[in-house]
N, C-alpha and C. Protein backbone atom coordinates (compact mmCIF):
# COMPACT_ATOMS: atom_id res chain seq x y z
N MET A 1 111.59 116.40 104.95
CA MET A 1 110.84 116.41 103.72
C MET A 1 109.55 117.20 103.93
N PRO A 2 109.08 117.88 102.91
CA PRO A 2 107.89 118.72 103.09
C PRO A 2 106.58 117.95 103.24
N ASP A 3 106.57 116.66 102.84
CA ASP A 3 105.30 115.94 102.86
C ASP A 3 105.26 114.72 103.78
N HIS A 4 106.35 114.45 104.50
CA HIS A 4 106.36 113.31 105.42
C HIS A 4 107.57 113.38 106.34
N ILE A 5 107.52 112.56 107.38
CA ILE A 5 108.69 112.44 108.26
C ILE A 5 108.97 110.96 108.49
N HIS A 6 110.20 110.68 108.84
CA HIS A 6 110.59 109.34 109.27
C HIS A 6 110.98 109.46 110.74
N ILE A 7 110.46 108.57 111.55
CA ILE A 7 110.84 108.50 112.96
C ILE A 7 111.37 107.08 113.17
N PHE A 8 112.62 106.97 113.53
CA PHE A 8 113.24 105.66 113.75
C PHE A 8 113.47 105.50 115.25
N ILE A 9 112.75 104.58 115.84
CA ILE A 9 112.82 104.42 117.30
C ILE A 9 112.93 102.95 117.67
N GLY A 10 113.36 102.73 118.88
CA GLY A 10 113.32 101.41 119.48
C GLY A 10 112.16 101.36 120.44
N MET A 11 111.43 100.28 120.45
CA MET A 11 110.26 100.15 121.32
C MET A 11 110.33 98.83 122.08
N ARG A 12 109.66 98.81 123.21
CA ARG A 12 109.49 97.59 123.99
C ARG A 12 108.16 96.94 123.59
N PRO A 13 108.03 95.65 123.76
CA PRO A 13 106.79 94.96 123.35
C PRO A 13 105.51 95.52 123.99
N HIS A 14 105.60 96.08 125.17
CA HIS A 14 104.40 96.59 125.84
C HIS A 14 104.00 97.99 125.36
N GLN A 15 104.82 98.62 124.54
CA GLN A 15 104.51 99.96 124.06
C GLN A 15 103.59 99.88 122.84
N SER A 16 102.72 100.89 122.71
CA SER A 16 101.76 100.94 121.62
C SER A 16 102.22 101.93 120.54
N ILE A 17 102.33 101.46 119.32
CA ILE A 17 102.70 102.34 118.21
C ILE A 17 101.64 103.43 118.02
N SER A 18 100.38 103.06 118.08
CA SER A 18 99.32 104.05 117.86
C SER A 18 99.34 105.14 118.92
N SER A 19 99.62 104.80 120.18
CA SER A 19 99.71 105.82 121.23
C SER A 19 100.91 106.73 121.00
N LEU A 20 102.03 106.15 120.59
CA LEU A 20 103.22 106.95 120.30
C LEU A 20 102.94 107.93 119.18
N ILE A 21 102.35 107.47 118.09
CA ILE A 21 102.07 108.34 116.95
C ILE A 21 101.08 109.43 117.33
N GLN A 22 100.06 109.08 118.09
CA GLN A 22 99.09 110.09 118.54
C GLN A 22 99.79 111.17 119.36
N ASN A 23 100.69 110.77 120.24
CA ASN A 23 101.42 111.74 121.05
C ASN A 23 102.33 112.61 120.20
N VAL A 24 103.04 112.01 119.26
CA VAL A 24 103.94 112.76 118.38
C VAL A 24 103.14 113.78 117.57
N LYS A 25 102.02 113.37 117.00
CA LYS A 25 101.20 114.28 116.20
C LYS A 25 100.63 115.41 117.05
N THR A 26 100.12 115.07 118.23
CA THR A 26 99.52 116.09 119.10
C THR A 26 100.55 117.12 119.54
N GLU A 27 101.65 116.65 120.09
CA GLU A 27 102.66 117.57 120.63
C GLU A 27 103.37 118.36 119.54
N SER A 28 103.65 117.74 118.40
CA SER A 28 104.30 118.47 117.32
C SER A 28 103.36 119.50 116.71
N SER A 29 102.08 119.18 116.62
CA SER A 29 101.10 120.17 116.12
C SER A 29 101.06 121.40 117.02
N LYS A 30 101.02 121.15 118.32
CA LYS A 30 101.03 122.28 119.27
C LYS A 30 102.28 123.13 119.07
N TRP A 31 103.43 122.49 118.97
CA TRP A 31 104.70 123.22 118.83
C TRP A 31 104.74 124.00 117.52
N ILE A 32 104.33 123.38 116.43
CA ILE A 32 104.32 124.06 115.12
C ILE A 32 103.42 125.29 115.17
N LYS A 33 102.26 125.17 115.80
CA LYS A 33 101.33 126.31 115.91
C LYS A 33 101.91 127.40 116.80
N LEU A 34 102.50 127.02 117.93
CA LEU A 34 103.10 128.02 118.84
C LEU A 34 104.25 128.77 118.18
N GLN A 35 105.00 128.08 117.34
CA GLN A 35 106.15 128.69 116.67
C GLN A 35 105.77 129.44 115.40
N ASN A 36 104.49 129.39 115.02
CA ASN A 36 104.02 130.02 113.77
C ASN A 36 104.85 129.58 112.57
N LEU A 37 105.05 128.29 112.43
CA LEU A 37 105.90 127.76 111.36
C LEU A 37 105.18 127.57 110.03
N CYS A 38 103.86 127.64 110.05
CA CYS A 38 103.08 127.46 108.81
C CYS A 38 102.20 128.68 108.58
N PRO A 39 102.21 129.20 107.36
CA PRO A 39 101.34 130.35 107.06
C PRO A 39 99.86 129.99 107.09
N GLN A 40 99.52 128.72 106.83
CA GLN A 40 98.13 128.27 106.90
C GLN A 40 98.01 127.32 108.09
N PRO A 41 96.79 127.01 108.52
CA PRO A 41 96.63 126.09 109.65
C PRO A 41 97.30 124.74 109.37
N PHE A 42 98.02 124.23 110.35
CA PHE A 42 98.73 122.96 110.20
C PHE A 42 97.89 121.82 110.74
N ALA A 43 97.91 120.69 110.04
CA ALA A 43 97.28 119.48 110.52
C ALA A 43 97.96 118.28 109.88
N TRP A 44 98.13 117.22 110.66
CA TRP A 44 98.64 115.98 110.12
C TRP A 44 97.52 115.26 109.36
N GLN A 45 97.89 114.48 108.37
CA GLN A 45 96.90 113.62 107.73
C GLN A 45 96.51 112.51 108.70
N GLU A 46 95.36 111.92 108.46
CA GLU A 46 94.98 110.77 109.27
C GLU A 46 95.90 109.60 108.93
N GLY A 47 96.08 108.74 109.90
CA GLY A 47 96.83 107.53 109.66
C GLY A 47 98.34 107.70 109.74
N TYR A 48 99.03 106.59 109.56
CA TYR A 48 100.49 106.55 109.57
C TYR A 48 100.92 105.20 109.02
N GLY A 49 102.18 105.10 108.70
CA GLY A 49 102.76 103.82 108.31
C GLY A 49 103.82 103.46 109.33
N ALA A 50 103.87 102.21 109.74
CA ALA A 50 104.88 101.75 110.69
C ALA A 50 105.44 100.42 110.19
N PHE A 51 106.75 100.35 110.13
CA PHE A 51 107.43 99.16 109.64
C PHE A 51 108.51 98.77 110.63
N SER A 52 108.73 97.48 110.80
CA SER A 52 109.75 97.02 111.73
C SER A 52 110.96 96.50 110.96
N TYR A 53 112.09 96.60 111.61
CA TYR A 53 113.33 96.14 111.01
C TYR A 53 114.13 95.35 112.04
N ALA A 54 114.99 94.47 111.56
CA ALA A 54 115.85 93.68 112.44
C ALA A 54 116.99 94.55 112.96
N LYS A 55 117.52 94.17 114.10
CA LYS A 55 118.63 94.92 114.68
C LYS A 55 119.81 95.01 113.71
N SER A 56 120.00 93.99 112.91
CA SER A 56 121.10 93.99 111.94
C SER A 56 120.91 95.04 110.84
N GLN A 57 119.71 95.60 110.70
CA GLN A 57 119.42 96.59 109.66
C GLN A 57 119.48 98.03 110.16
N VAL A 58 119.78 98.23 111.44
CA VAL A 58 119.75 99.56 112.03
C VAL A 58 120.60 100.55 111.25
N ASN A 59 121.83 100.22 110.93
CA ASN A 59 122.70 101.16 110.22
C ASN A 59 122.16 101.52 108.85
N ASP A 60 121.57 100.54 108.15
CA ASP A 60 120.99 100.80 106.83
C ASP A 60 119.81 101.77 106.94
N VAL A 61 118.96 101.58 107.95
CA VAL A 61 117.80 102.45 108.12
C VAL A 61 118.25 103.87 108.48
N ILE A 62 119.21 103.99 109.36
CA ILE A 62 119.73 105.32 109.73
C ILE A 62 120.30 106.02 108.50
N ARG A 63 121.06 105.29 107.70
CA ARG A 63 121.64 105.86 106.47
C ARG A 63 120.53 106.31 105.52
N TYR A 64 119.49 105.50 105.40
CA TYR A 64 118.36 105.87 104.54
C TYR A 64 117.71 107.16 105.02
N VAL A 65 117.42 107.25 106.30
CA VAL A 65 116.76 108.44 106.83
C VAL A 65 117.63 109.68 106.62
N LYS A 66 118.91 109.55 106.85
CA LYS A 66 119.83 110.69 106.66
C LYS A 66 119.87 111.14 105.20
N ASN A 67 119.69 110.21 104.27
CA ASN A 67 119.82 110.52 102.84
C ASN A 67 118.49 110.57 102.11
N GLN A 68 117.39 110.71 102.84
CA GLN A 68 116.09 110.63 102.18
C GLN A 68 115.86 111.76 101.18
N GLU A 69 116.40 112.93 101.43
CA GLU A 69 116.20 114.03 100.48
C GLU A 69 116.78 113.68 99.11
N ILE A 70 117.96 113.10 99.11
CA ILE A 70 118.59 112.67 97.85
C ILE A 70 117.78 111.53 97.24
N HIS A 71 117.38 110.59 98.08
CA HIS A 71 116.61 109.43 97.62
C HIS A 71 115.31 109.86 96.95
N HIS A 72 114.61 110.83 97.55
CA HIS A 72 113.31 111.24 97.02
C HIS A 72 113.41 112.13 95.79
N GLN A 73 114.61 112.47 95.36
CA GLN A 73 114.77 113.13 94.08
C GLN A 73 114.56 112.11 92.95
N LYS A 74 114.77 110.83 93.27
CA LYS A 74 114.63 109.76 92.28
C LYS A 74 113.28 109.06 92.36
N GLU A 75 112.69 109.05 93.55
CA GLU A 75 111.43 108.32 93.76
C GLU A 75 110.58 109.10 94.76
N THR A 76 109.31 109.31 94.43
CA THR A 76 108.44 110.06 95.33
C THR A 76 108.15 109.24 96.59
N PHE A 77 107.76 109.96 97.64
CA PHE A 77 107.37 109.30 98.87
C PHE A 77 106.23 108.31 98.64
N LEU A 78 105.20 108.74 97.91
CA LEU A 78 104.05 107.86 97.70
C LEU A 78 104.40 106.60 96.92
N ASP A 79 105.25 106.73 95.91
CA ASP A 79 105.68 105.54 95.16
C ASP A 79 106.47 104.60 96.08
N GLU A 80 107.34 105.18 96.89
CA GLU A 80 108.12 104.36 97.79
C GLU A 80 107.24 103.71 98.86
N TYR A 81 106.27 104.45 99.35
CA TYR A 81 105.37 103.92 100.38
C TYR A 81 104.62 102.70 99.85
N ARG A 82 104.14 102.79 98.63
CA ARG A 82 103.46 101.64 98.02
C ARG A 82 104.40 100.44 97.91
N LYS A 83 105.67 100.70 97.57
CA LYS A 83 106.65 99.62 97.49
C LYS A 83 106.87 98.98 98.86
N PHE A 84 106.94 99.81 99.91
CA PHE A 84 107.07 99.28 101.26
C PHE A 84 105.89 98.38 101.61
N LEU A 85 104.69 98.85 101.32
CA LEU A 85 103.49 98.06 101.62
C LEU A 85 103.56 96.71 100.92
N ASN A 86 103.96 96.71 99.67
CA ASN A 86 104.08 95.45 98.91
C ASN A 86 105.21 94.58 99.45
N ALA A 87 106.36 95.18 99.75
CA ALA A 87 107.51 94.41 100.25
C ALA A 87 107.21 93.77 101.60
N PHE A 88 106.43 94.46 102.43
CA PHE A 88 106.07 93.92 103.74
C PHE A 88 104.79 93.08 103.68
N GLU A 89 104.32 92.84 102.45
CA GLU A 89 103.14 92.01 102.19
C GLU A 89 101.92 92.49 102.96
N ILE A 90 101.70 93.81 102.92
CA ILE A 90 100.56 94.42 103.57
C ILE A 90 99.49 94.67 102.51
N GLU A 91 98.30 94.14 102.74
CA GLU A 91 97.20 94.41 101.82
C GLU A 91 96.77 95.85 102.00
N TRP A 92 96.55 96.56 100.89
CA TRP A 92 96.19 97.98 100.98
C TRP A 92 95.24 98.35 99.88
N ASP A 93 94.58 99.47 100.08
CA ASP A 93 93.60 99.99 99.15
C ASP A 93 94.00 101.43 98.83
N GLU A 94 94.07 101.76 97.57
CA GLU A 94 94.51 103.10 97.13
C GLU A 94 93.68 104.22 97.78
N ARG A 95 92.42 103.93 98.10
CA ARG A 95 91.57 104.96 98.72
C ARG A 95 92.11 105.42 100.06
N TYR A 96 92.92 104.59 100.70
CA TYR A 96 93.40 104.91 102.05
C TYR A 96 94.88 105.29 102.09
N ILE A 97 95.46 105.48 100.94
CA ILE A 97 96.86 105.90 100.87
C ILE A 97 96.94 107.41 101.09
N PHE A 98 98.06 107.86 101.66
CA PHE A 98 98.25 109.28 101.91
C PHE A 98 97.98 110.10 100.66
N LYS A 99 97.61 111.32 100.84
CA LYS A 99 97.32 112.23 99.73
C LYS A 99 98.47 113.23 99.58
N GLU A 100 98.67 113.68 98.36
CA GLU A 100 99.66 114.73 98.11
C GLU A 100 99.24 115.99 98.88
N PRO A 101 100.21 116.71 99.47
CA PRO A 101 99.85 117.95 100.16
C PRO A 101 99.27 118.97 99.18
N GLU A 102 98.32 119.77 99.67
CA GLU A 102 97.70 120.78 98.82
C GLU A 102 98.48 122.07 98.83
């Protein structure tokens, strides 16, 4: 998708989500710049969203990620993200929600 990515991974309890995301953003930014993939300077937005799922939901999540392009024709990423925050009972403030790409 042009405005977000989904990364579906398995983690151990001692692993840090924030460290993983920092590494993904740093290394992918370097690669994108080296490959000249963006006509303008590339940068990730601040922050990220992370949600956990039960092992019994793995196939559903994989299917969702594979079909996200079709899914987002019906619902925008930002609308869906807000629904995730509400479904996972996460308190949030609109000021800190991702912004549409410019």
